[in-house]
N, C-alpha and C. Protein backbone atom coordinates (compact mmCIF):
# COMPACT_ATOMS: atom_id res chain seq x y z
N MET A 1 1.06 -1.15 -0.08
CA MET A 1 -0.09 -0.22 0.26
C MET A 1 0.83 1.25 -0.08
N TRP A 2 0.47 2.34 -0.63
CA TRP A 2 1.60 3.34 -1.22
C TRP A 2 0.60 4.38 -0.28
N VAL A 3 1.53 5.25 0.88
CA VAL A 3 0.88 5.99 1.69
C VAL A 3 1.83 7.45 1.33
N TYR A 4 1.03 8.66 1.34
CA TYR A 4 1.87 9.66 1.22
C TYR A 4 1.14 10.62 2.25
N ASP A 5 2.26 11.03 3.08
CA ASP A 5 2.04 11.65 4.35
C ASP A 5 1.92 13.25 4.15
N TYR A 6 0.83 13.90 3.93
CA TYR A 6 0.61 15.39 3.63
C TYR A 6 0.35 15.92 4.94
N ARG A 7 -0.05 15.37 6.24
CA ARG A 7 -0.28 15.91 7.56
C ARG A 7 0.88 16.53 8.29
N THR A 8 1.97 16.03 8.20
CA THR A 8 2.91 16.27 9.07
C THR A 8 3.74 17.44 8.70
N ASN A 9 3.84 18.74 9.50
CA ASN A 9 4.72 19.71 9.36
C ASN A 9 4.06 20.36 7.98
N VAL A 10 2.79 20.48 7.72
CA VAL A 10 1.97 21.19 6.85
C VAL A 10 0.88 21.89 7.43
N HIS A 11 0.94 22.98 7.09
CA HIS A 11 -0.27 23.87 7.81
C HIS A 11 -1.04 24.86 6.86
N HIS A 12 -2.25 24.60 6.37
CA HIS A 12 -3.01 25.25 5.61
C HIS A 12 -4.01 25.74 6.30
N THR A 13 -4.69 27.03 6.07
CA THR A 13 -5.79 27.96 6.54
C THR A 13 -6.27 28.47 5.36
N LEU A 14 -7.78 28.66 5.65
CA LEU A 14 -8.38 28.99 4.10
C LEU A 14 -7.99 30.41 3.93
N LYS A 15 -7.74 31.37 4.89
CA LYS A 15 -7.23 32.75 4.73
C LYS A 15 -5.72 32.86 4.33
N LYS A 16 -5.09 32.69 5.18
CA LYS A 16 -3.55 33.14 5.30
C LYS A 16 -2.65 31.92 4.51
N ASN A 17 -2.89 30.71 4.37
CA ASN A 17 -2.03 29.82 3.58
C ASN A 17 -3.19 28.77 3.20
N PRO A 18 -3.77 29.28 1.93
CA PRO A 18 -4.99 28.10 1.43
C PRO A 18 -4.12 27.27 0.51
N LEU A 19 -4.85 25.85 0.48
CA LEU A 19 -4.10 24.72 -0.04
C LEU A 19 -4.37 25.06 -1.76
N ARG A 20 -3.37 24.96 -2.56
CA ARG A 20 -3.53 25.39 -3.85
C ARG A 20 -3.11 24.09 -4.41
N PHE A 21 -3.24 24.08 -5.71
CA PHE A 21 -3.01 22.67 -6.70
C PHE A 21 -1.42 22.59 -6.74
N GLU A 22 -0.53 23.66 -6.74
CA GLU A 22 0.85 23.51 -6.52
C GLU A 22 1.44 22.83 -5.52
N ASP A 23 0.70 23.10 -4.08
CA ASP A 23 0.83 22.01 -3.18
C ASP A 23 0.94 20.57 -3.29
N LEU A 24 -0.10 19.86 -4.39
CA LEU A 24 -0.14 18.89 -4.26
C LEU A 24 0.58 17.91 -5.59
N GLN A 25 1.39 18.65 -6.34
CA GLN A 25 2.21 18.42 -7.23
C GLN A 25 3.40 17.14 -7.01
N ASP A 26 4.00 17.20 -6.01
CA ASP A 26 4.68 16.21 -5.50
C ASP A 26 4.18 14.65 -5.31
N PHE A 27 2.96 15.06 -4.52
CA PHE A 27 1.98 13.97 -4.67
C PHE A 27 1.56 13.31 -6.05
N VAL A 28 1.13 13.70 -6.88
CA VAL A 28 0.97 14.02 -8.17
C VAL A 28 2.11 12.97 -8.70
N SER A 29 2.93 13.54 -8.59
CA SER A 29 4.10 13.20 -9.34
C SER A 29 4.27 11.51 -8.60
N CYS A 30 4.64 11.57 -7.72
CA CYS A 30 4.68 10.34 -6.90
C CYS A 30 3.81 9.15 -6.92
N TYR A 31 2.62 9.52 -7.02
CA TYR A 31 1.25 8.63 -7.42
C TYR A 31 1.52 8.42 -8.67
N ASN A 32 1.89 8.74 -9.73
CA ASN A 32 2.52 8.57 -11.05
C ASN A 32 0.95 7.80 -11.55
N PRO A 33 -0.02 8.78 -11.83
CA PRO A 33 -1.35 7.92 -12.06
C PRO A 33 -1.27 7.33 -13.84
N ALA A 34 -0.26 7.98 -14.80
CA ALA A 34 -0.26 7.28 -16.05
C ALA A 34 0.43 6.15 -15.93
N ASN A 35 1.12 5.56 -14.86
CA ASN A 35 1.77 4.24 -14.86
C ASN A 35 1.86 3.93 -13.36
N ARG A 36 0.96 3.20 -13.09
CA ARG A 36 1.18 2.99 -11.23
C ARG A 36 2.20 1.75 -11.25
N PHE A 37 2.57 1.16 -11.96
CA PHE A 37 3.71 0.01 -11.75
C PHE A 37 5.21 0.63 -11.87
N LEU A 38 5.34 1.92 -11.97
CA LEU A 38 6.60 2.80 -12.01
C LEU A 38 6.59 3.24 -10.88
N ARG A 39 5.82 3.48 -9.82
CA ARG A 39 6.06 4.15 -8.85
C ARG A 39 7.05 3.73 -8.10
N GLN A 40 7.88 4.48 -7.59
CA GLN A 40 8.98 4.42 -6.78
C GLN A 40 9.06 5.31 -5.34
N ALA A 41 9.54 4.76 -4.23
CA ALA A 41 9.55 5.30 -2.93
C ALA A 41 10.74 6.33 -3.00
N GLN A 42 10.41 7.63 -2.18
CA GLN A 42 11.34 8.27 -1.93
C GLN A 42 12.54 8.21 -0.96
N GLU A 43 13.62 8.35 -1.13
CA GLU A 43 14.70 8.40 -0.42
C GLU A 43 15.44 9.23 0.52
N PRO A 44 15.98 9.40 1.38
CA PRO A 44 15.65 8.32 2.51
C PRO A 44 14.37 8.16 3.00
N ALA A 45 13.71 6.78 3.12
CA ALA A 45 12.25 6.87 3.45
C ALA A 45 12.02 7.69 4.68
N GLU A 46 12.70 7.64 5.69
CA GLU A 46 12.46 8.39 7.13
C GLU A 46 11.85 9.41 6.94
N GLU A 47 12.75 10.17 5.79
CA GLU A 47 12.24 11.70 5.65
C GLU A 47 11.42 11.96 4.34
N SER A 48 11.17 11.00 3.61
CA SER A 48 10.19 11.33 2.49
C SER A 48 8.90 11.56 2.99
N ARG A 49 8.11 11.92 2.29
CA ARG A 49 6.46 11.66 2.23
C ARG A 49 5.56 10.67 1.86
N TRP A 50 6.55 9.83 0.78
CA TRP A 50 6.09 9.07 -0.22
C TRP A 50 6.44 7.59 0.22
N ARG A 51 5.76 6.75 0.78
CA ARG A 51 6.62 5.12 1.26
C ARG A 51 5.46 4.14 0.44
N LYS A 52 6.23 3.18 0.91
CA LYS A 52 5.25 1.98 0.39
C LYS A 52 5.36 0.97 1.49
N PHE A 53 4.17 0.28 2.16
CA PHE A 53 4.24 -0.45 3.15
C PHE A 53 3.43 -1.86 2.68
N THR A 54 4.47 -2.94 3.20
CA THR A 54 4.05 -4.52 2.83
C THR A 54 2.46 -4.46 3.70
N TYR A 55 2.12 -5.65 3.48
CA TYR A 55 0.78 -6.27 4.23
C TYR A 55 1.27 -6.37 5.45
N GLU A 56 2.63 -6.94 5.54
CA GLU A 56 3.26 -7.47 6.90
C GLU A 56 3.37 -6.38 7.87
N GLU A 57 3.89 -5.22 7.29
CA GLU A 57 3.98 -4.31 8.21
C GLU A 57 2.94 -3.31 8.66
N ILE A 58 1.80 -3.59 7.69
CA ILE A 58 0.43 -3.01 7.85
C ILE A 58 -0.03 -3.54 9.28
N ILE A 59 -0.14 -5.09 9.08
CA ILE A 59 -0.73 -6.07 10.00
C ILE A 59 -0.22 -6.03 11.33
N ALA A 60 1.12 -5.79 11.37
CA ALA A 60 2.07 -5.56 12.65
C ALA A 60 1.61 -4.65 13.45
N ARG A 61 1.26 -3.51 12.95
CA ARG A 61 1.03 -2.25 13.61
C ARG A 61 -0.08 -2.49 14.62
N ASP A 62 -0.40 -1.31 15.57
CA ASP A 62 -1.44 -1.53 16.51
C ASP A 62 -2.59 -1.52 16.11
N LYS A 63 -3.56 -2.71 15.98
CA LYS A 63 -4.83 -2.94 15.78
C LYS A 63 -4.81 -2.66 14.22
N THR A 64 -3.79 -2.75 13.37
CA THR A 64 -3.66 -2.44 12.01
C THR A 64 -4.35 -1.34 11.49
N SER A 65 -4.00 -0.23 12.39
CA SER A 65 -4.44 0.90 11.97
C SER A 65 -4.06 1.62 10.81
N LEU A 66 -4.67 2.41 9.87
CA LEU A 66 -4.04 2.94 8.69
C LEU A 66 -3.74 4.25 9.03
N ASP A 67 -3.83 4.59 10.25
CA ASP A 67 -3.50 6.19 10.54
C ASP A 67 -1.75 6.08 10.59
N ILE A 68 -1.28 6.08 9.47
CA ILE A 68 0.24 5.71 9.43
C ILE A 68 0.95 7.07 9.10
N SER A 69 1.96 7.11 10.10
CA SER A 69 2.93 8.35 9.94
C SER A 69 4.12 7.98 10.53
N TRP A 70 5.03 8.62 9.90
CA TRP A 70 6.46 8.55 10.06
C TRP A 70 7.69 9.56 10.12
N ILE A 71 7.00 10.51 9.54
CA ILE A 71 7.85 11.91 9.55
C ILE A 71 7.63 12.53 11.15
N LYS A 72 8.83 12.83 11.56
CA LYS A 72 8.55 13.79 12.92
C LYS A 72 8.03 15.13 12.76
N ASP A 73 7.36 15.54 13.71
CA ASP A 73 6.66 16.33 13.76
C ASP A 73 7.80 17.42 14.42
N LYS A 74 7.70 18.60 13.25
CA LYS A 74 8.82 19.48 13.84
C LYS A 74 8.01 20.44 14.99
N SER A 75 7.05 20.72 14.96
CA SER A 75 6.30 21.41 16.08
C SER A 75 6.29 21.05 17.20
N LEU A 76 6.48 19.31 17.42
CA LEU A 76 6.65 18.69 18.64
C LEU A 76 8.04 18.67 19.19
N ALA A 77 8.95 18.55 18.04
CA ALA A 77 10.49 18.23 18.41
C ALA A 77 10.88 19.64 18.86
N ASP A 78 10.59 20.94 18.50
CA ASP A 78 11.22 22.17 18.89
C ASP A 78 10.41 22.96 19.56
N LEU A 79 9.87 22.94 20.58
CA LEU A 79 8.75 23.28 21.62
C LEU A 79 9.57 24.96 21.93
N ASP A 80 10.86 25.39 21.62
CA ASP A 80 11.43 26.58 21.97
C ASP A 80 10.78 27.50 20.73
N ASN A 81 10.33 27.18 19.52
CA ASN A 81 10.32 27.69 18.54
C ASN A 81 8.65 27.84 18.03
N LEU A 82 8.09 27.51 19.03
CA LEU A 82 6.51 27.66 18.83
C LEU A 82 5.93 28.73 18.23
N PRO A 83 5.14 28.78 17.55
CA PRO A 83 4.46 30.50 17.20
C PRO A 83 3.99 30.92 18.53
N ASP A 84 3.80 32.39 18.26
CA ASP A 84 3.13 33.24 19.72
C ASP A 84 1.95 32.77 20.03
N PRO A 85 1.45 32.81 21.08
CA PRO A 85 0.03 32.45 21.63
C PRO A 85 -1.06 33.33 20.56
N GLU A 86 -0.79 34.33 20.56
CA GLU A 86 -1.76 35.34 19.75
C GLU A 86 -1.82 34.72 18.35
N GLU A 87 -0.91 34.11 17.72
CA GLU A 87 -0.87 33.59 16.35
C GLU A 87 -1.74 32.27 16.44
N LEU A 88 -1.22 31.41 17.44
CA LEU A 88 -1.98 29.91 17.21
C LEU A 88 -3.53 30.37 17.90
N ALA A 89 -3.79 31.12 18.68
CA ALA A 89 -5.30 31.51 19.00
C ALA A 89 -6.00 31.97 17.80
N ALA A 90 -5.18 32.90 16.70
CA ALA A 90 -5.87 33.46 15.34
C ALA A 90 -6.12 32.25 14.67
N ASP A 91 -4.89 31.26 14.50
CA ASP A 91 -5.49 30.31 13.57
C ASP A 91 -6.33 29.14 14.13
N ILE A 92 -6.52 28.92 15.29
CA ILE A 92 -7.63 28.38 15.98
C ILE A 92 -9.07 28.87 15.57
N ILE A 93 -9.08 30.18 15.78
CA ILE A 93 -10.47 31.12 15.39
C ILE A 93 -10.71 31.00 14.06
N GLU A 94 -9.57 31.27 13.04
CA GLU A 94 -9.92 30.75 11.71
C GLU A 94 -10.48 29.36 11.35
N ASN A 95 -9.93 28.40 12.02
CA ASN A 95 -10.34 27.22 11.79
C ASN A 95 -11.56 26.72 12.27
N LEU A 96 -12.12 27.29 13.26
CA LEU A 96 -13.25 27.49 13.54
C LEU A 96 -14.31 27.92 13.37
N GLU A 97 -14.32 29.25 12.78
CA GLU A 97 -15.10 30.09 11.66
C GLU A 97 -15.12 29.49 10.30
N ALA A 98 -14.17 28.82 9.70
CA ALA A 98 -14.17 28.19 8.42
C ALA A 98 -15.21 26.88 8.60
N GLY A 99 -15.03 26.34 9.73
CA GLY A 99 -15.84 25.37 10.25
C GLY A 99 -17.27 25.25 10.12
N LEU A 100 -17.60 26.49 11.00
CA LEU A 100 -18.93 26.98 11.00
C LEU A 100 -19.55 27.54 10.02
N GLU A 101 -18.70 28.07 8.79
CA GLU A 101 -19.23 28.57 7.48
C GLU A 101 -19.68 27.40 6.78
N SER A 102 -18.75 26.07 7.00
CA SER A 102 -19.10 25.12 6.03
C SER A 102 -20.39 24.28 6.38
N PHE A 103 -20.54 24.52 7.92
CA PHE A 103 -21.73 23.87 8.38
C PHE A 103 -23.10 24.81 8.06
N ARG A 104 -23.08 25.91 8.00
CA ARG A 104 -23.94 26.89 7.79
C ARG A 104 -24.39 26.51 6.07
N GLU A 105 -23.28 26.35 5.54
CA GLU A 105 -23.63 25.88 3.69
C GLU A 105 -24.39 24.65 3.95
N ILE A 106 -23.87 23.73 4.87
CA ILE A 106 -24.56 22.31 4.48
C ILE A 106 -26.08 22.82 4.82
N MET A 107 -26.40 23.32 5.93
CA MET A 107 -27.78 23.49 6.55
C MET A 107 -28.39 24.38 5.34
N LEU A 108 -27.87 25.39 4.60
CA LEU A 108 -28.59 25.88 3.85
C LEU A 108 -29.36 25.23 2.80
N LYS A 109 -28.34 24.13 2.43
CA LYS A 109 -28.70 23.09 1.01
C LYS A 109 -29.93 22.07 1.60
N LEU A 110 -29.63 21.82 3.20
CA LEU A 110 -30.50 20.82 3.43
C LEU A 110 -31.87 21.57 3.82
N LYS A 111 -32.16 23.02 3.78
CA LYS A 111 -33.70 23.15 3.73
C LYS A 111 -34.21 23.26 2.35
């Protein structure tokens, strides 16, 4: 099974840092939709976002969870370089407001 870890050390917000098509170019290149038999893992595997896992590796995981990650989260490793509390709070507010707006749109469509 091929896995691309786009979660670790990537932070998108709707206003300040929205996800763009260009942000996914590496994934598209690794995924190689034109010929899946030519897919290759990136090296070194511990630092790359694209890896292949065998059935044995997956089944050996805790409860065979597919919540797979292997890249070290820089924000957890370097606690001295955390963003200012105000910036963290602003990001949280932005994410909550975006979530509420999405729910409002769903509610309008349901009516």
